[in-house]
Amino acid sequence: MAGGGDFYDRDRPENPQLAEDRPRGGGPEDRPRSGGRLLVPMLIVAAALIVILFLIFI
């Protein structure tokens, strides 16, 4: 039987590090959306508030 590191070194490649199968950080397609989803409802609320204030003060 082989002793020491010879037993495991025999079948290993020169660079035994595995490539990372799940890279961290994601790409451009994985970027989270900014607050764009909130913009449209806030504009609708602001427009409704302006209309209500306009009707009250006329």
PDB file of N, CA and C in Angstrom:
ATOM      1  N   MET A   1       0.849  -1.177   0.000  1.00  0.00           N
ATOM      2  CA  MET A   1       0.000   0.000   0.000  1.00  0.00           C
ATOM      3  C   MET A   1       0.892   1.237   0.000  1.00  0.00           C
ATOM      4  N   ALA A   2       0.472   2.246  -0.785  1.00  0.00           N
ATOM      5  CA  ALA A   2       1.262   3.474  -0.869  1.00  0.00           C
ATOM      6  C   ALA A   2       1.120   4.264   0.418  1.00  0.00           C
ATOM      7  N   GLY A   3       2.176   4.895   0.805  1.00  0.00           N
ATOM      8  CA  GLY A   3       2.135   5.659   2.046  1.00  0.00           C
ATOM      9  C   GLY A   3       2.153   7.149   1.790  1.00  0.00           C
ATOM     10  N   GLY A   4       1.664   7.887   2.759  1.00  0.00           N
ATOM     11  CA  GLY A   4       1.728   9.337   2.701  1.00  0.00           C
ATOM     12  C   GLY A   4       0.820   9.924   1.631  1.00  0.00           C
ATOM     13  N   GLY A   5       1.319  10.975   0.945  1.00  0.00           N
ATOM     14  CA  GLY A   5       0.535  11.683  -0.051  1.00  0.00           C
ATOM     15  C   GLY A   5       0.498  10.985  -1.392  1.00  0.00           C
ATOM     16  N   ASP A   6       1.319   9.963  -1.632  1.00  0.00           N
ATOM     17  CA  ASP A   6       1.349   9.296  -2.928  1.00  0.00           C
ATOM     18  C   ASP A   6       0.009   8.670  -3.296  1.00  0.00           C
ATOM     19  N   PHE A   7      -0.711   8.175  -2.306  1.00  0.00           N
ATOM     20  CA  PHE A   7      -1.978   7.498  -2.572  1.00  0.00           C
ATOM     21  C   PHE A   7      -2.979   8.456  -3.219  1.00  0.00           C
ATOM     22  N   TYR A   8      -3.065   9.676  -2.709  1.00  0.00           N
ATOM     23  CA  TYR A   8      -4.049  10.630  -3.227  1.00  0.00           C
ATOM     24  C   TYR A   8      -3.514  11.429  -4.405  1.00  0.00           C
ATOM     25  N   ASP A   9      -2.247  11.652  -4.483  1.00  0.00           N
ATOM     26  CA  ASP A   9      -1.661  12.462  -5.555  1.00  0.00           C
ATOM     27  C   ASP A   9      -1.649  11.735  -6.897  1.00  0.00           C
ATOM     28  N   ARG A  10      -1.764  10.456  -6.888  1.00  0.00           N
ATOM     29  CA  ARG A  10      -1.620   9.665  -8.104  1.00  0.00           C
ATOM     30  C   ARG A  10      -2.685  10.006  -9.144  1.00  0.00           C
ATOM     31  N   ASP A  11      -3.950  10.157  -8.752  1.00  0.00           N
ATOM     32  CA  ASP A  11      -5.033  10.368  -9.711  1.00  0.00           C
ATOM     33  C   ASP A  11      -5.468  11.818  -9.840  1.00  0.00           C
ATOM     34  N   ARG A  12      -4.851  12.710  -9.121  1.00  0.00           N
ATOM     35  CA  ARG A  12      -5.278  14.113  -9.149  1.00  0.00           C
ATOM     36  C   ARG A  12      -4.664  14.873 -10.313  1.00  0.00           C
ATOM     37  N   PRO A  13      -5.433  15.828 -10.867  1.00  0.00           N
ATOM     38  CA  PRO A  13      -4.848  16.695 -11.901  1.00  0.00           C
ATOM     39  C   PRO A  13      -3.870  17.679 -11.257  1.00  0.00           C
ATOM     40  N   GLU A  14      -3.116  18.383 -12.085  1.00  0.00           N
ATOM     41  CA  GLU A  14      -2.139  19.321 -11.544  1.00  0.00           C
ATOM     42  C   GLU A  14      -2.813  20.445 -10.762  1.00  0.00           C
ATOM     43  N   ASN A  15      -3.953  20.917 -11.242  1.00  0.00           N
ATOM     44  CA  ASN A  15      -4.698  21.954 -10.539  1.00  0.00           C
ATOM     45  C   ASN A  15      -6.004  21.337 -10.036  1.00  0.00           C
ATOM     46  N   PRO A  16      -6.068  20.867  -8.802  1.00  0.00           N
ATOM     47  CA  PRO A  16      -7.242  20.124  -8.340  1.00  0.00           C
ATOM     48  C   PRO A  16      -8.427  21.007  -7.937  1.00  0.00           C
ATOM     49  N   GLN A  17      -8.324  22.335  -8.096  1.00  0.00           N
ATOM     50  CA  GLN A  17      -9.432  23.210  -7.723  1.00  0.00           C
ATOM     51  C   GLN A  17     -10.576  23.061  -8.729  1.00  0.00           C
ATOM     52  N   LEU A  18     -11.791  22.951  -8.235  1.00  0.00           N
ATOM     53  CA  LEU A  18     -12.959  22.849  -9.101  1.00  0.00           C
ATOM     54  C   LEU A  18     -13.419  24.239  -9.505  1.00  0.00           C
ATOM     55  N   ALA A  19     -13.906  24.344 -10.715  1.00  0.00           N
ATOM     56  CA  ALA A  19     -14.473  25.618 -11.161  1.00  0.00           C
ATOM     57  C   ALA A  19     -15.759  25.870 -10.386  1.00  0.00           C
ATOM     58  N   GLU A  20     -16.022  27.118 -10.076  1.00  0.00           N
ATOM     59  CA  GLU A  20     -17.208  27.440  -9.304  1.00  0.00           C
ATOM     60  C   GLU A  20     -18.441  27.268 -10.187  1.00  0.00           C
ATOM     61  N   ASP A  21     -19.374  26.441  -9.731  1.00  0.00           N
ATOM     62  CA  ASP A  21     -20.544  26.154 -10.555  1.00  0.00           C
ATOM     63  C   ASP A  21     -21.656  27.185 -10.366  1.00  0.00           C
ATOM     64  N   ARG A  22     -21.594  27.970  -9.299  1.00  0.00           N
ATOM     65  CA  ARG A  22     -22.568  29.032  -9.090  1.00  0.00           C
ATOM     66  C   ARG A  22     -21.824  30.337  -8.813  1.00  0.00           C
ATOM     67  N   PRO A  23     -21.453  31.053  -9.847  1.00  0.00           N
ATOM     68  CA  PRO A  23     -20.711  32.286  -9.629  1.00  0.00           C
ATOM     69  C   PRO A  23     -21.527  33.270  -8.794  1.00  0.00           C
ATOM     70  N   ARG A  24     -20.827  33.957  -7.928  1.00  0.00           N
ATOM     71  CA  ARG A  24     -21.495  34.938  -7.065  1.00  0.00           C
ATOM     72  C   ARG A  24     -21.634  36.265  -7.793  1.00  0.00           C
ATOM     73  N   GLY A  25     -22.652  37.018  -7.443  1.00  0.00           N
ATOM     74  CA  GLY A  25     -22.787  38.359  -7.959  1.00  0.00           C
ATOM     75  C   GLY A  25     -23.793  38.496  -9.088  1.00  0.00           C
ATOM     76  N   GLY A  26     -24.014  37.479  -9.855  1.00  0.00           N
ATOM     77  CA  GLY A  26     -24.984  37.546 -10.940  1.00  0.00           C
ATOM     78  C   GLY A  26     -24.538  38.461 -12.056  1.00  0.00           C
ATOM     79  N   GLY A  27     -25.260  38.442 -13.108  1.00  0.00           N
ATOM     80  CA  GLY A  27     -24.938  39.274 -14.261  1.00  0.00           C
ATOM     81  C   GLY A  27     -25.931  40.407 -14.392  1.00  0.00           C
ATOM     82  N   PRO A  28     -25.879  41.106 -15.511  1.00  0.00           N
ATOM     83  CA  PRO A  28     -26.790  42.242 -15.698  1.00  0.00           C
ATOM     84  C   PRO A  28     -28.262  41.841 -15.699  1.00  0.00           C
ATOM     85  N   GLU A  29     -28.553  40.612 -16.088  1.00  0.00           N
ATOM     86  CA  GLU A  29     -29.945  40.185 -16.115  1.00  0.00           C
ATOM     87  C   GLU A  29     -30.492  39.919 -14.717  1.00  0.00           C
ATOM     88  N   ASP A  30     -29.617  39.804 -13.719  1.00  0.00           N
ATOM     89  CA  ASP A  30     -30.044  39.524 -12.352  1.00  0.00           C
ATOM     90  C   ASP A  30     -30.103  40.772 -11.482  1.00  0.00           C
ATOM     91  N   ARG A  31     -29.918  41.945 -12.078  1.00  0.00           N
ATOM     92  CA  ARG A  31     -29.944  43.166 -11.274  1.00  0.00           C
ATOM     93  C   ARG A  31     -31.337  43.399 -10.723  1.00  0.00           C
ATOM     94  N   PRO A  32     -31.405  43.738  -9.447  1.00  0.00           N
ATOM     95  CA  PRO A  32     -32.727  44.039  -8.895  1.00  0.00           C
ATOM     96  C   PRO A  32     -33.257  45.353  -9.467  1.00  0.00           C
ATOM     97  N   ARG A  33     -34.530  45.420  -9.635  1.00  0.00           N
ATOM     98  CA  ARG A  33     -35.123  46.650 -10.138  1.00  0.00           C
ATOM     99  C   ARG A  33     -35.002  47.736  -9.090  1.00  0.00           C
ATOM    100  N   SER A  34     -34.829  48.935  -9.565  1.00  0.00           N
ATOM    101  CA  SER A  34     -34.837  50.059  -8.638  1.00  0.00           C
ATOM    102  C   SER A  34     -36.290  50.411  -8.347  1.00  0.00           C
ATOM    103  N   GLY A  35     -36.545  51.538  -7.768  1.00  0.00           N
ATOM    104  CA  GLY A  35     -37.892  51.899  -7.354  1.00  0.00           C
ATOM    105  C   GLY A  35     -38.830  52.253  -8.477  1.00  0.00           C
ATOM    106  N   GLY A  36     -38.627  51.772  -9.684  1.00  0.00           N
ATOM    107  CA  GLY A  36     -39.477  52.089 -10.817  1.00  0.00           C
ATOM    108  C   GLY A  36     -40.901  51.598 -10.648  1.00  0.00           C
ATOM    109  N   ARG A  37     -41.094  50.530  -9.912  1.00  0.00           N
ATOM    110  CA  ARG A  37     -42.440  50.002  -9.703  1.00  0.00           C
ATOM    111  C   ARG A  37     -43.274  50.942  -8.841  1.00  0.00           C
ATOM    112  N   LEU A  38     -42.625  51.688  -7.980  1.00  0.00           N
ATOM    113  CA  LEU A  38     -43.345  52.573  -7.074  1.00  0.00           C
ATOM    114  C   LEU A  38     -43.657  53.920  -7.716  1.00  0.00           C
ATOM    115  N   LEU A  39     -43.027  54.248  -8.795  1.00  0.00           N
ATOM    116  CA  LEU A  39     -43.181  55.556  -9.417  1.00  0.00           C
ATOM    117  C   LEU A  39     -44.587  55.778  -9.965  1.00  0.00           C
ATOM    118  N   VAL A  40     -45.132  54.829 -10.675  1.00  0.00           N
ATOM    119  CA  VAL A  40     -46.454  54.988 -11.297  1.00  0.00           C
ATOM    120  C   VAL A  40     -47.549  55.157 -10.240  1.00  0.00           C
ATOM    121  N   PRO A  41     -47.619  54.324  -9.205  1.00  0.00           N
ATOM    122  CA  PRO A  41     -48.662  54.546  -8.186  1.00  0.00           C
ATOM    123  C   PRO A  41     -48.505  55.890  -7.464  1.00  0.00           C
ATOM    124  N   MET A  42     -47.278  56.313  -7.231  1.00  0.00           N
ATOM    125  CA  MET A  42     -47.074  57.603  -6.567  1.00  0.00           C
ATOM    126  C   MET A  42     -47.530  58.754  -7.462  1.00  0.00           C
ATOM    127  N   LEU A  43     -47.313  58.660  -8.765  1.00  0.00           N
ATOM    128  CA  LEU A  43     -47.798  59.693  -9.685  1.00  0.00           C
ATOM    129  C   LEU A  43     -49.326  59.737  -9.721  1.00  0.00           C
ATOM    130  N   ILE A  44     -49.952  58.577  -9.675  1.00  0.00           N
ATOM    131  CA  ILE A  44     -51.422  58.523  -9.665  1.00  0.00           C
ATOM    132  C   ILE A  44     -51.964  59.154  -8.385  1.00  0.00           C
ATOM    133  N   VAL A  45     -51.347  58.848  -7.254  1.00  0.00           N
ATOM    134  CA  VAL A  45     -51.774  59.430  -5.975  1.00  0.00           C
ATOM    135  C   VAL A  45     -51.577  60.941  -5.998  1.00  0.00           C
ATOM    136  N   ALA A  46     -50.444  61.407  -6.514  1.00  0.00           N
ATOM    137  CA  ALA A  46     -50.179  62.843  -6.583  1.00  0.00           C
ATOM    138  C   ALA A  46     -51.188  63.540  -7.488  1.00  0.00           C
ATOM    139  N   ALA A  47     -51.511  62.950  -8.625  1.00  0.00           N
ATOM    140  CA  ALA A  47     -52.492  63.547  -9.540  1.00  0.00           C
ATOM    141  C   ALA A  47     -53.870  63.600  -8.889  1.00  0.00           C
ATOM    142  N   ALA A  48     -54.262  62.532  -8.197  1.00  0.00           N
ATOM    143  CA  ALA A  48     -55.562  62.513  -7.522  1.00  0.00           C
ATOM    144  C   ALA A  48     -55.597  63.569  -6.416  1.00  0.00           C
ATOM    145  N   LEU A  49     -54.506  63.727  -5.694  1.00  0.00           N
ATOM    146  CA  LEU A  49     -54.440  64.733  -4.635  1.00  0.00           C
ATOM    147  C   LEU A  49     -54.554  66.147  -5.204  1.00  0.00           C
ATOM    148  N   ILE A  50     -53.905  66.387  -6.321  1.00  0.00           N
ATOM    149  CA  ILE A  50     -53.992  67.700  -6.967  1.00  0.00           C
ATOM    150  C   ILE A  50     -55.420  67.977  -7.424  1.00  0.00           C
ATOM    151  N   VAL A  51     -56.075  66.972  -8.008  1.00  0.00           N
ATOM    152  CA  VAL A  51     -57.465  67.146  -8.460  1.00  0.00           C
ATOM    153  C   VAL A  51     -58.375  67.413  -7.265  1.00  0.00           C
ATOM    154  N   ILE A  52     -58.214  66.675  -6.180  1.00  0.00           N
ATOM    155  CA  ILE A  52     -59.047  66.857  -4.987  1.00  0.00           C
ATOM    156  C   ILE A  52     -58.836  68.249  -4.392  1.00  0.00           C
ATOM    157  N   LEU A  53     -57.581  68.667  -4.265  1.00  0.00           N
ATOM    158  CA  LEU A  53     -57.294  70.000  -3.731  1.00  0.00           C
ATOM    159  C   LEU A  53     -57.844  71.085  -4.650  1.00  0.00           C
ATOM    160  N   PHE A  54     -57.778  70.867  -5.929  1.00  0.00           N
ATOM    161  CA  PHE A  54     -58.294  71.834  -6.906  1.00  0.00           C
ATOM    162  C   PHE A  54     -59.818  71.971  -6.739  1.00  0.00           C
ATOM    163  N   LEU A  55     -60.516  70.837  -6.564  1.00  0.00           N
ATOM    164  CA  LEU A  55     -61.959  70.879  -6.405  1.00  0.00           C
ATOM    165  C   LEU A  55     -62.374  71.496  -5.071  1.00  0.00           C
ATOM    166  N   ILE A  56     -61.594  71.310  -4.035  1.00  0.00           N
ATOM    167  CA  ILE A  56     -61.923  71.860  -2.728  1.00  0.00           C
ATOM    168  C   ILE A  56     -61.791  73.380  -2.718  1.00  0.00           C
ATOM    169  N   PHE A  57     -60.741  73.893  -3.322  1.00  0.00           N
ATOM    170  CA  PHE A  57     -60.434  75.324  -3.229  1.00  0.00           C
ATOM    171  C   PHE A  57     -61.043  76.152  -4.374  1.00  0.00           C
ATOM    172  N   ILE A  58     -61.913  75.597  -5.152  1.00  0.00           N
ATOM    173  CA  ILE A  58     -62.570  76.387  -6.223  1.00  0.00           C
ATOM    174  C   ILE A  58     -63.918  76.822  -5.756  1.00  0.00           C
TER     175      ILE A  58
END
